[in-house]
Amino acid sequence: MAAQAGGPALDPTLSEWLKARADTLRHLDSATAPVDEGWTQRLADLLATEQSWQVQYTELIALGTRGGRFPSSNR
């Protein structure tokens, strides 16, 4: 996904979002019952990071749409 000259680059944001998702999945795979408070906090932090990158990526994509807003989901 190439950016127009002077425009934002989507690739770095997408790669960081996908990296955050992979980190979250690795953490989930490491769970053994019962999970402790530290494990739960780490998961909360990873999910917040993943969500932050997703929001940033969505906002960048929206820059190229009419009205500059990403459409709401039908789900």
PDB file of N, CA and C in Angstrom:
ATOM      1  N   MET A   1       0.833  -1.169   0.000  1.00  0.00           N
ATOM      2  CA  MET A   1       0.000   0.000   0.000  1.00  0.00           C
ATOM      3  C   MET A   1       0.879   1.235   0.000  1.00  0.00           C
ATOM      4  N   ALA A   2       1.057   1.787  -1.128  1.00  0.00           N
ATOM      5  CA  ALA A   2       1.909   2.954  -1.238  1.00  0.00           C
ATOM      6  C   ALA A   2       1.136   4.217  -0.913  1.00  0.00           C
ATOM      7  N   ALA A   3       1.819   5.133  -0.301  1.00  0.00           N
ATOM      8  CA  ALA A   3       1.209   6.424   0.017  1.00  0.00           C
ATOM      9  C   ALA A   3       1.453   7.380  -1.135  1.00  0.00           C
ATOM     10  N   GLN A   4       0.562   8.312  -1.315  1.00  0.00           N
ATOM     11  CA  GLN A   4       0.779   9.353  -2.293  1.00  0.00           C
ATOM     12  C   GLN A   4       1.880  10.253  -1.768  1.00  0.00           C
ATOM     13  N   ALA A   5       2.518  10.973  -2.692  1.00  0.00           N
ATOM     14  CA  ALA A   5       3.591  11.874  -2.289  1.00  0.00           C
ATOM     15  C   ALA A   5       3.099  12.823  -1.203  1.00  0.00           C
ATOM     16  N   GLY A   6       3.785  12.836  -0.089  1.00  0.00           N
ATOM     17  CA  GLY A   6       3.425  13.718   1.011  1.00  0.00           C
ATOM     18  C   GLY A   6       2.302  13.204   1.882  1.00  0.00           C
ATOM     19  N   GLY A   7       1.710  12.067   1.523  1.00  0.00           N
ATOM     20  CA  GLY A   7       0.600  11.516   2.302  1.00  0.00           C
ATOM     21  C   GLY A   7       1.088  10.523   3.336  1.00  0.00           C
ATOM     22  N   PRO A   8       0.179  10.044   4.168  1.00  0.00           N
ATOM     23  CA  PRO A   8       0.566   9.081   5.203  1.00  0.00           C
ATOM     24  C   PRO A   8       0.867   7.710   4.601  1.00  0.00           C
ATOM     25  N   ALA A   9       1.740   6.975   5.241  1.00  0.00           N
ATOM     26  CA  ALA A   9       2.083   5.623   4.811  1.00  0.00           C
ATOM     27  C   ALA A   9       1.293   4.629   5.637  1.00  0.00           C
ATOM     28  N   LEU A  10       0.548   3.770   4.957  1.00  0.00           N
ATOM     29  CA  LEU A  10      -0.271   2.782   5.656  1.00  0.00           C
ATOM     30  C   LEU A  10       0.537   1.571   6.108  1.00  0.00           C
ATOM     31  N   ASP A  11       1.563   1.207   5.346  1.00  0.00           N
ATOM     32  CA  ASP A  11       2.304  -0.024   5.639  1.00  0.00           C
ATOM     33  C   ASP A  11       2.878  -0.081   7.055  1.00  0.00           C
ATOM     34  N   PRO A  12       3.546   0.972   7.536  1.00  0.00           N
ATOM     35  CA  PRO A  12       4.085   0.865   8.908  1.00  0.00           C
ATOM     36  C   PRO A  12       2.990   0.653   9.951  1.00  0.00           C
ATOM     37  N   THR A  13       1.875   1.336   9.791  1.00  0.00           N
ATOM     38  CA  THR A  13       0.789   1.193  10.760  1.00  0.00           C
ATOM     39  C   THR A  13       0.183  -0.196  10.675  1.00  0.00           C
ATOM     40  N   LEU A  14      -0.031  -0.695   9.463  1.00  0.00           N
ATOM     41  CA  LEU A  14      -0.572  -2.044   9.300  1.00  0.00           C
ATOM     42  C   LEU A  14       0.375  -3.084   9.881  1.00  0.00           C
ATOM     43  N   SER A  15       1.660  -2.943   9.627  1.00  0.00           N
ATOM     44  CA  SER A  15       2.603  -3.945  10.150  1.00  0.00           C
ATOM     45  C   SER A  15       2.647  -3.920  11.678  1.00  0.00           C
ATOM     46  N   GLU A  16       2.548  -2.732  12.282  1.00  0.00           N
ATOM     47  CA  GLU A  16       2.529  -2.655  13.747  1.00  0.00           C
ATOM     48  C   GLU A  16       1.243  -3.240  14.316  1.00  0.00           C
ATOM     49  N   TRP A  17       0.126  -3.017  13.645  1.00  0.00           N
ATOM     50  CA  TRP A  17      -1.140  -3.596  14.096  1.00  0.00           C
ATOM     51  C   TRP A  17      -1.053  -5.120  14.040  1.00  0.00           C
ATOM     52  N   LEU A  18      -0.568  -5.646  12.913  1.00  0.00           N
ATOM     53  CA  LEU A  18      -0.455  -7.098  12.779  1.00  0.00           C
ATOM     54  C   LEU A  18       0.539  -7.669  13.794  1.00  0.00           C
ATOM     55  N   LYS A  19       1.610  -6.930  14.081  1.00  0.00           N
ATOM     56  CA  LYS A  19       2.568  -7.370  15.103  1.00  0.00           C
ATOM     57  C   LYS A  19       1.895  -7.409  16.474  1.00  0.00           C
ATOM     58  N   ALA A  20       1.090  -6.397  16.782  1.00  0.00           N
ATOM     59  CA  ALA A  20       0.378  -6.380  18.061  1.00  0.00           C
ATOM     60  C   ALA A  20      -0.587  -7.555  18.161  1.00  0.00           C
ATOM     61  N   ARG A  21      -1.260  -7.875  17.055  1.00  0.00           N
ATOM     62  CA  ARG A  21      -2.166  -9.034  17.048  1.00  0.00           C
ATOM     63  C   ARG A  21      -1.394 -10.324  17.295  1.00  0.00           C
ATOM     64  N   ALA A  22      -0.239 -10.461  16.646  1.00  0.00           N
ATOM     65  CA  ALA A  22       0.580 -11.663  16.831  1.00  0.00           C
ATOM     66  C   ALA A  22       1.071 -11.772  18.275  1.00  0.00           C
ATOM     67  N   ASP A  23       1.478 -10.636  18.861  1.00  0.00           N
ATOM     68  CA  ASP A  23       1.907 -10.637  20.270  1.00  0.00           C
ATOM     69  C   ASP A  23       0.768 -11.084  21.180  1.00  0.00           C
ATOM     70  N   THR A  24      -0.438 -10.597  20.899  1.00  0.00           N
ATOM     71  CA  THR A  24      -1.599 -10.982  21.704  1.00  0.00           C
ATOM     72  C   THR A  24      -1.869 -12.474  21.581  1.00  0.00           C
ATOM     73  N   LEU A  25      -1.817 -12.992  20.365  1.00  0.00           N
ATOM     74  CA  LEU A  25      -2.052 -14.425  20.162  1.00  0.00           C
ATOM     75  C   LEU A  25      -0.998 -15.273  20.861  1.00  0.00           C
ATOM     76  N   ARG A  26       0.272 -14.852  20.785  1.00  0.00           N
ATOM     77  CA  ARG A  26       1.332 -15.596  21.490  1.00  0.00           C
ATOM     78  C   ARG A  26       1.072 -15.604  22.989  1.00  0.00           C
ATOM     79  N   HIS A  27       0.643 -14.481  23.505  1.00  0.00           N
ATOM     80  CA  HIS A  27       0.363 -14.408  24.938  1.00  0.00           C
ATOM     81  C   HIS A  27      -0.803 -15.316  25.312  1.00  0.00           C
ATOM     82  N   LEU A  28      -1.844 -15.315  24.491  1.00  0.00           N
ATOM     83  CA  LEU A  28      -2.997 -16.184  24.762  1.00  0.00           C
ATOM     84  C   LEU A  28      -2.596 -17.652  24.720  1.00  0.00           C
ATOM     85  N   ASP A  29      -1.693 -17.996  23.797  1.00  0.00           N
ATOM     86  CA  ASP A  29      -1.236 -19.385  23.703  1.00  0.00           C
ATOM     87  C   ASP A  29      -0.442 -19.813  24.936  1.00  0.00           C
ATOM     88  N   SER A  30       0.110 -18.856  25.680  1.00  0.00           N
ATOM     89  CA  SER A  30       0.921 -19.195  26.849  1.00  0.00           C
ATOM     90  C   SER A  30       0.089 -19.396  28.113  1.00  0.00           C
ATOM     91  N   ALA A  31      -1.210 -19.202  28.025  1.00  0.00           N
ATOM     92  CA  ALA A  31      -2.065 -19.275  29.214  1.00  0.00           C
ATOM     93  C   ALA A  31      -2.165 -20.698  29.743  1.00  0.00           C
ATOM     94  N   THR A  32      -2.070 -20.800  31.051  1.00  0.00           N
ATOM     95  CA  THR A  32      -2.375 -22.058  31.730  1.00  0.00           C
ATOM     96  C   THR A  32      -3.299 -21.716  32.891  1.00  0.00           C
ATOM     97  N   ALA A  33      -4.309 -22.514  33.068  1.00  0.00           N
ATOM     98  CA  ALA A  33      -5.308 -22.240  34.125  1.00  0.00           C
ATOM     99  C   ALA A  33      -4.725 -22.603  35.476  1.00  0.00           C
ATOM    100  N   PRO A  34      -5.013 -21.878  36.521  1.00  0.00           N
ATOM    101  CA  PRO A  34      -5.660 -20.563  36.481  1.00  0.00           C
ATOM    102  C   PRO A  34      -4.638 -19.489  36.115  1.00  0.00           C
ATOM    103  N   VAL A  35      -5.075 -18.446  35.429  1.00  0.00           N
ATOM    104  CA  VAL A  35      -4.166 -17.358  35.068  1.00  0.00           C
ATOM    105  C   VAL A  35      -4.017 -16.415  36.255  1.00  0.00           C
ATOM    106  N   ASP A  36      -2.846 -15.826  36.368  1.00  0.00           N
ATOM    107  CA  ASP A  36      -2.605 -14.941  37.499  1.00  0.00           C
ATOM    108  C   ASP A  36      -2.839 -13.477  37.111  1.00  0.00           C
ATOM    109  N   GLU A  37      -2.719 -12.613  38.099  1.00  0.00           N
ATOM    110  CA  GLU A  37      -2.980 -11.186  37.888  1.00  0.00           C
ATOM    111  C   GLU A  37      -2.011 -10.574  36.874  1.00  0.00           C
ATOM    112  N   GLY A  38      -0.755 -10.979  36.916  1.00  0.00           N
ATOM    113  CA  GLY A  38       0.235 -10.453  35.971  1.00  0.00           C
ATOM    114  C   GLY A  38      -0.091 -10.817  34.540  1.00  0.00           C
ATOM    115  N   TRP A  39      -0.509 -12.074  34.336  1.00  0.00           N
ATOM    116  CA  TRP A  39      -0.883 -12.528  32.996  1.00  0.00           C
ATOM    117  C   TRP A  39      -2.082 -11.725  32.492  1.00  0.00           C
ATOM    118  N   THR A  40      -3.066 -11.521  33.352  1.00  0.00           N
ATOM    119  CA  THR A  40      -4.267 -10.780  32.974  1.00  0.00           C
ATOM    120  C   THR A  40      -3.932  -9.334  32.626  1.00  0.00           C
ATOM    121  N   GLN A  41      -3.035  -8.714  33.398  1.00  0.00           N
ATOM    122  CA  GLN A  41      -2.630  -7.333  33.112  1.00  0.00           C
ATOM    123  C   GLN A  41      -1.913  -7.250  31.775  1.00  0.00           C
ATOM    124  N   ARG A  42      -1.039  -8.202  31.514  1.00  0.00           N
ATOM    125  CA  ARG A  42      -0.309  -8.221  30.227  1.00  0.00           C
ATOM    126  C   ARG A  42      -1.294  -8.348  29.078  1.00  0.00           C
ATOM    127  N   LEU A  43      -2.297  -9.204  29.203  1.00  0.00           N
ATOM    128  CA  LEU A  43      -3.296  -9.355  28.153  1.00  0.00           C
ATOM    129  C   LEU A  43      -4.058  -8.051  27.940  1.00  0.00           C
ATOM    130  N   ALA A  44      -4.443  -7.391  29.030  1.00  0.00           N
ATOM    131  CA  ALA A  44      -5.149  -6.115  28.910  1.00  0.00           C
ATOM    132  C   ALA A  44      -4.289  -5.092  28.174  1.00  0.00           C
ATOM    133  N   ASP A  45      -2.996  -5.051  28.489  1.00  0.00           N
ATOM    134  CA  ASP A  45      -2.090  -4.117  27.821  1.00  0.00           C
ATOM    135  C   ASP A  45      -1.945  -4.441  26.336  1.00  0.00           C
ATOM    136  N   LEU A  46      -1.809  -5.720  26.021  1.00  0.00           N
ATOM    137  CA  LEU A  46      -1.682  -6.125  24.622  1.00  0.00           C
ATOM    138  C   LEU A  46      -2.943  -5.794  23.830  1.00  0.00           C
ATOM    139  N   LEU A  47      -4.110  -6.051  24.409  1.00  0.00           N
ATOM    140  CA  LEU A  47      -5.364  -5.751  23.712  1.00  0.00           C
ATOM    141  C   LEU A  47      -5.530  -4.244  23.488  1.00  0.00           C
ATOM    142  N   ALA A  48      -5.124  -3.449  24.464  1.00  0.00           N
ATOM    143  CA  ALA A  48      -5.207  -1.990  24.308  1.00  0.00           C
ATOM    144  C   ALA A  48      -4.270  -1.515  23.207  1.00  0.00           C
ATOM    145  N   THR A  49      -3.074  -2.094  23.144  1.00  0.00           N
ATOM    146  CA  THR A  49      -2.118  -1.740  22.086  1.00  0.00           C
ATOM    147  C   THR A  49      -2.670  -2.130  20.729  1.00  0.00           C
ATOM    148  N   GLU A  50      -3.207  -3.335  20.631  1.00  0.00           N
ATOM    149  CA  GLU A  50      -3.780  -3.806  19.374  1.00  0.00           C
ATOM    150  C   GLU A  50      -4.917  -2.888  18.923  1.00  0.00           C
ATOM    151  N   GLN A  51      -5.778  -2.511  19.838  1.00  0.00           N
ATOM    152  CA  GLN A  51      -6.899  -1.641  19.498  1.00  0.00           C
ATOM    153  C   GLN A  51      -6.405  -0.268  19.039  1.00  0.00           C
ATOM    154  N   SER A  52      -5.391   0.259  19.693  1.00  0.00           N
ATOM    155  CA  SER A  52      -4.835   1.555  19.328  1.00  0.00           C
ATOM    156  C   SER A  52      -4.307   1.544  17.896  1.00  0.00           C
ATOM    157  N   TRP A  53      -3.555   0.496  17.551  1.00  0.00           N
ATOM    158  CA  TRP A  53      -3.038   0.397  16.186  1.00  0.00           C
ATOM    159  C   TRP A  53      -4.167   0.225  15.185  1.00  0.00           C
ATOM    160  N   GLN A  54      -5.203  -0.528  15.529  1.00  0.00           N
ATOM    161  CA  GLN A  54      -6.341  -0.721  14.631  1.00  0.00           C
ATOM    162  C   GLN A  54      -7.026   0.616  14.367  1.00  0.00           C
ATOM    163  N   VAL A  55      -7.225   1.409  15.394  1.00  0.00           N
ATOM    164  CA  VAL A  55      -7.862   2.719  15.244  1.00  0.00           C
ATOM    165  C   VAL A  55      -7.013   3.614  14.342  1.00  0.00           C
ATOM    166  N   GLN A  56      -5.706   3.630  14.559  1.00  0.00           N
ATOM    167  CA  GLN A  56      -4.829   4.462  13.747  1.00  0.00           C
ATOM    168  C   GLN A  56      -4.884   4.046  12.278  1.00  0.00           C
ATOM    169  N   TYR A  57      -4.865   2.742  12.021  1.00  0.00           N
ATOM    170  CA  TYR A  57      -4.906   2.243  10.648  1.00  0.00           C
ATOM    171  C   TYR A  57      -6.233   2.618   9.990  1.00  0.00           C
ATOM    172  N   THR A  58      -7.326   2.437  10.707  1.00  0.00           N
ATOM    173  CA  THR A  58      -8.651   2.775  10.182  1.00  0.00           C
ATOM    174  C   THR A  58      -8.742   4.261   9.859  1.00  0.00           C
ATOM    175  N   GLU A  59      -8.193   5.100  10.730  1.00  0.00           N
ATOM    176  CA  GLU A  59      -8.223   6.543  10.479  1.00  0.00           C
ATOM    177  C   GLU A  59      -7.394   6.915   9.260  1.00  0.00           C
ATOM    178  N   LEU A  60      -6.265   6.237   9.057  1.00  0.00           N
ATOM    179  CA  LEU A  60      -5.459   6.512   7.873  1.00  0.00           C
ATOM    180  C   LEU A  60      -6.191   6.119   6.598  1.00  0.00           C
ATOM    181  N   ILE A  61      -6.841   4.976   6.609  1.00  0.00           N
ATOM    182  CA  ILE A  61      -7.607   4.550   5.438  1.00  0.00           C
ATOM    183  C   ILE A  61      -8.715   5.550   5.149  1.00  0.00           C
ATOM    184  N   ALA A  62      -9.352   6.041   6.178  1.00  0.00           N
ATOM    185  CA  ALA A  62     -10.475   6.965   6.019  1.00  0.00           C
ATOM    186  C   ALA A  62     -10.062   8.267   5.349  1.00  0.00           C
ATOM    187  N   LEU A  63      -8.798   8.634   5.438  1.00  0.00           N
ATOM    188  CA  LEU A  63      -8.352   9.883   4.817  1.00  0.00           C
ATOM    189  C   LEU A  63      -8.624   9.888   3.314  1.00  0.00           C
ATOM    190  N   GLY A  64      -8.642   8.706   2.698  1.00  0.00           N
ATOM    191  CA  GLY A  64      -8.857   8.629   1.260  1.00  0.00           C
ATOM    192  C   GLY A  64     -10.312   8.464   0.854  1.00  0.00           C
ATOM    193  N   THR A  65     -11.230   8.486   1.795  1.00  0.00           N
ATOM    194  CA  THR A  65     -12.643   8.296   1.469  1.00  0.00           C
ATOM    195  C   THR A  65     -13.370   9.630   1.392  1.00  0.00           C
ATOM    196  N   ARG A  66     -14.509   9.602   0.740  1.00  0.00           N
ATOM    197  CA  ARG A  66     -15.340  10.799   0.678  1.00  0.00           C
ATOM    198  C   ARG A  66     -15.766  11.169   2.097  1.00  0.00           C
ATOM    199  N   GLY A  67     -15.562  12.386   2.467  1.00  0.00           N
ATOM    200  CA  GLY A  67     -15.915  12.839   3.805  1.00  0.00           C
ATOM    201  C   GLY A  67     -14.858  12.559   4.852  1.00  0.00           C
ATOM    202  N   GLY A  68     -13.829  11.787   4.498  1.00  0.00           N
ATOM    203  CA  GLY A  68     -12.734  11.514   5.423  1.00  0.00           C
ATOM    204  C   GLY A  68     -13.114  10.661   6.613  1.00  0.00           C
ATOM    205  N   ARG A  69     -14.191   9.902   6.491  1.00  0.00           N
ATOM    206  CA  ARG A  69     -14.634   9.042   7.593  1.00  0.00           C
ATOM    207  C   ARG A  69     -14.775   7.616   7.098  1.00  0.00           C
ATOM    208  N   PHE A  70     -14.353   6.682   7.937  1.00  0.00           N
ATOM    209  CA  PHE A  70     -14.493   5.269   7.623  1.00  0.00           C
ATOM    210  C   PHE A  70     -15.950   4.879   7.853  1.00  0.00           C
ATOM    211  N   PRO A  71     -16.554   4.096   6.956  1.00  0.00           N
ATOM    212  CA  PRO A  71     -17.963   3.741   7.145  1.00  0.00           C
ATOM    213  C   PRO A  71     -18.169   2.871   8.383  1.00  0.00           C
ATOM    214  N   SER A  72     -19.330   3.000   9.002  1.00  0.00           N
ATOM    215  CA  SER A  72     -19.630   2.152  10.160  1.00  0.00           C
ATOM    216  C   SER A  72     -19.903   0.730   9.678  1.00  0.00           C
ATOM    217  N   SER A  73     -19.693  -0.204  10.561  1.00  0.00           N
ATOM    218  CA  SER A  73     -19.882  -1.606  10.237  1.00  0.00           C
ATOM    219  C   SER A  73     -21.355  -1.962  10.128  1.00  0.00           C
ATOM    220  N   ASN A  74     -21.657  -2.939   9.303  1.00  0.00           N
ATOM    221  CA  ASN A  74     -23.014  -3.472   9.202  1.00  0.00           C
ATOM    222  C   ASN A  74     -23.247  -4.562  10.228  1.00  0.00           C
ATOM    223  N   ARG A  75     -22.240  -4.906  11.013  1.00  0.00           N
ATOM    224  CA  ARG A  75     -22.389  -5.956  12.021  1.00  0.00           C
ATOM    225  C   ARG A  75     -22.695  -5.384  13.363  1.00  0.00           C
TER     226      ARG A  75
END
